[in-house]
Amino acid sequence: MSLYDIPLRTLAGEPATLGDHKGRALLIVNVASKCGLTPQYAGLERLQETYGPRGLTVLGFPCNQFLGQEPGTAEEIQTFCSTTYGVSFPLFEKVEVNGPGRHALYAELTRFPDASGNAGDVNWNFEKFLVSPAGEVVGRFRPQTEPEAPELVAAIEGQLPA
């Protein structure tokens, strides 16, 4: 199964797939509203604003698996993200990224290794996966990598279709 075919639901509960963004570079991030890394939302939004017109889409997947740091409802998450960080990129329903309830998207993403060669479980909130415009995972950046870190920006720029 292609990443583009995996069924998803938007934060509003509407059916979706990554296929809705085919032909664009994608930065897929598991996000949380009550995490020490939550300020990364600002950097993610700046990436969307800077590179969106050139073919990048940031996609946020709320996750409550790490110390319950995303306890909110879909409405609470949407309100927090838009009012606190001005998030304009798409957000999806809350998912599990690890364990037996791992969402099918993350089952595929976590097969890809990070720069150190380690694949497997997501370490924490704000782990980032870069997907090429052809739908292939091409990069994995652990949570401590800031959205605007030079290595992440260079990887994104290398995948922009436009």
Protein backbone atom coordinates (compact mmCIF):
# COMPACT_ATOMS: atom_id res chain seq x y z
CA MET A 1 0.00 0.00 0.00
CA SER A 2 1.25 3.47 -0.90
CA LEU A 3 1.43 6.15 1.78
CA TYR A 4 -1.04 8.03 -0.41
CA ASP A 5 -3.69 5.33 0.05
CA ILE A 6 -3.74 5.05 3.84
CA PRO A 7 -7.10 6.26 5.18
CA LEU A 8 -6.89 9.29 7.45
CA ARG A 9 -9.33 11.64 9.10
CA THR A 10 -8.90 15.38 9.40
CA LEU A 11 -9.17 17.02 12.83
CA ALA A 12 -12.73 17.94 11.78
CA GLY A 13 -13.48 14.22 11.25
CA GLU A 14 -13.55 14.30 7.46
CA PRO A 15 -12.06 11.40 5.47
CA ALA A 16 -8.70 12.19 3.89
CA THR A 17 -5.51 10.63 2.55
CA LEU A 18 -2.00 11.84 1.89
CA GLY A 19 -3.03 11.49 -1.76
CA ASP A 20 -4.80 14.83 -1.25
CA HIS A 21 -1.27 16.30 -1.20
CA LYS A 22 0.28 14.21 -3.98
CA GLY A 23 3.08 15.94 -5.85
CA ARG A 24 4.10 18.03 -2.83
CA ALA A 25 6.86 17.49 -0.29
CA LEU A 26 5.28 16.58 3.05
CA LEU A 27 6.58 17.08 6.57
CA ILE A 28 4.59 14.77 8.84
CA VAL A 29 4.84 15.58 12.55
CA ASN A 30 3.23 14.06 15.64
CA VAL A 31 2.24 17.10 17.69
CA ALA A 32 1.06 17.87 21.23
CA SER A 33 -0.28 20.98 22.94
CA LYS A 34 1.15 20.49 26.42
CA CYS A 35 4.74 19.44 25.72
CA GLY A 36 8.04 21.18 26.33
CA LEU A 37 8.51 21.01 22.55
CA THR A 38 5.11 22.59 21.77
CA PRO A 39 6.78 25.90 20.76
CA GLN A 40 7.99 24.00 17.67
CA TYR A 41 4.52 24.75 16.28
CA ALA A 42 5.83 28.26 15.53
CA GLY A 43 8.74 26.93 13.47
CA LEU A 44 6.49 24.45 11.68
CA GLU A 45 4.13 27.28 10.76
CA ARG A 46 7.05 29.37 9.47
CA LEU A 47 8.14 26.42 7.30
CA GLN A 48 4.60 26.20 5.92
CA GLU A 49 4.52 29.93 5.19
CA THR A 50 7.99 29.97 3.62
CA TYR A 51 7.92 26.75 1.62
CA GLY A 52 4.20 26.16 1.11
CA PRO A 53 4.14 28.26 -2.08
CA ARG A 54 7.08 26.20 -3.36
CA GLY A 55 5.45 22.82 -2.75
CA LEU A 56 5.74 21.86 0.95
CA THR A 57 2.85 20.91 3.17
CA VAL A 58 3.32 20.41 6.90
CA LEU A 59 0.86 17.86 8.31
CA GLY A 60 0.21 17.64 12.06
CA PHE A 61 -0.94 14.47 13.79
CA PRO A 62 -1.89 15.06 17.43
CA CYS A 63 -0.79 12.24 19.71
CA ASN A 64 -1.53 11.66 23.41
CA GLN A 65 0.88 8.74 23.92
CA PHE A 66 3.69 10.68 25.59
CA LEU A 67 2.74 11.53 29.19
CA GLY A 68 -0.78 12.55 28.10
CA GLN A 69 0.50 15.77 26.55
CA GLU A 70 -2.35 16.02 24.02
CA PRO A 71 -5.46 15.48 26.16
CA GLY A 72 -7.75 17.87 24.29
CA THR A 73 -10.73 17.28 22.06
CA ALA A 74 -10.45 18.02 18.35
CA GLU A 75 -12.05 21.43 18.92
CA GLU A 76 -9.67 22.25 21.78
CA ILE A 77 -6.66 21.23 19.71
CA GLN A 78 -7.80 23.33 16.73
CA THR A 79 -8.48 26.36 18.91
CA PHE A 80 -5.15 26.07 20.72
CA CYS A 81 -3.15 25.69 17.50
CA SER A 82 -4.85 28.53 15.65
CA THR A 83 -5.00 31.04 18.50
CA THR A 84 -1.62 30.31 20.12
CA TYR A 85 0.53 29.60 17.06
CA GLY A 86 -1.53 30.72 14.05
CA VAL A 87 -1.33 27.22 12.60
CA SER A 88 -2.60 27.15 9.03
CA PHE A 89 -1.29 23.72 8.00
CA PRO A 90 -3.60 20.68 8.04
CA LEU A 91 -4.19 18.86 11.31
CA PHE A 92 -5.53 15.33 11.54
CA GLU A 93 -7.37 13.33 14.17
CA LYS A 94 -5.45 12.17 17.21
CA VAL A 95 -3.47 9.00 16.44
CA GLU A 96 -1.24 6.50 18.18
CA VAL A 97 2.27 6.44 16.74
CA ASN A 98 3.63 3.46 18.72
CA GLY A 99 2.39 0.17 20.15
CA PRO A 100 -0.40 -2.19 19.14
CA GLY A 101 -2.76 0.68 18.25
CA ARG A 102 -0.19 2.35 15.98
CA HIS A 103 -1.91 4.04 13.05
CA ALA A 104 -1.18 2.47 9.66
CA LEU A 105 0.55 5.68 8.51
CA TYR A 106 3.01 5.47 11.40
CA ALA A 107 3.48 1.75 10.85
CA GLU A 108 4.94 2.73 7.48
CA LEU A 109 6.79 5.88 8.57
CA THR A 110 8.59 4.22 11.49
CA ARG A 111 10.25 1.74 9.13
CA PHE A 112 12.45 4.59 7.94
CA PRO A 113 15.67 5.20 9.89
CA ASP A 114 16.92 8.50 11.25
CA ALA A 115 20.34 9.96 10.44
CA SER A 116 21.95 7.53 12.92
CA GLY A 117 20.38 4.54 11.17
CA ASN A 118 17.75 3.87 13.84
CA ALA A 119 14.24 2.96 12.71
CA GLY A 120 11.37 1.88 14.96
CA ASP A 121 9.27 3.69 17.51
CA VAL A 122 8.74 7.42 17.58
CA ASN A 123 10.78 8.80 20.51
CA TRP A 124 8.52 11.66 21.60
CA ASN A 125 6.24 14.43 20.37
CA PHE A 126 7.39 16.45 17.35
CA GLU A 127 9.26 13.69 15.52
CA LYS A 128 9.37 14.70 11.85
CA PHE A 129 9.17 12.57 8.69
CA LEU A 130 9.92 14.08 5.28
CA VAL A 131 8.08 12.56 2.32
CA SER A 132 9.09 13.30 -1.28
CA PRO A 133 6.60 14.54 -3.89
CA ALA A 134 6.63 10.94 -5.22
CA GLY A 135 5.36 9.62 -1.87
CA GLU A 136 8.60 8.10 -0.54
CA VAL A 137 9.89 8.67 2.99
CA VAL A 138 13.24 10.42 2.52
CA GLY A 139 14.06 11.78 5.96
CA ARG A 140 13.44 11.28 9.65
CA PHE A 141 14.27 13.89 12.25
CA ARG A 142 14.00 13.21 15.96
CA PRO A 143 11.98 15.52 18.24
CA GLN A 144 14.91 17.64 19.39
CA THR A 145 15.57 18.75 15.80
CA GLU A 146 14.02 22.19 15.55
CA PRO A 147 11.81 22.76 12.48
CA GLU A 148 14.19 25.39 11.13
CA ALA A 149 17.40 23.46 11.85
CA PRO A 150 19.80 23.71 8.89
CA GLU A 151 19.76 19.95 8.21
CA LEU A 152 15.95 19.83 8.10
CA VAL A 153 15.65 22.95 5.96
CA ALA A 154 18.27 21.57 3.52
CA ALA A 155 16.37 18.27 3.29
CA ILE A 156 13.10 20.11 2.62
CA GLU A 157 14.67 22.33 -0.03
CA GLY A 158 16.04 19.21 -1.73
CA GLN A 159 12.51 17.84 -2.08
CA LEU A 160 10.60 20.91 -3.26
CA PRO A 161 8.90 20.25 -6.59
CA ALA A 162 8.64 23.91 -7.56
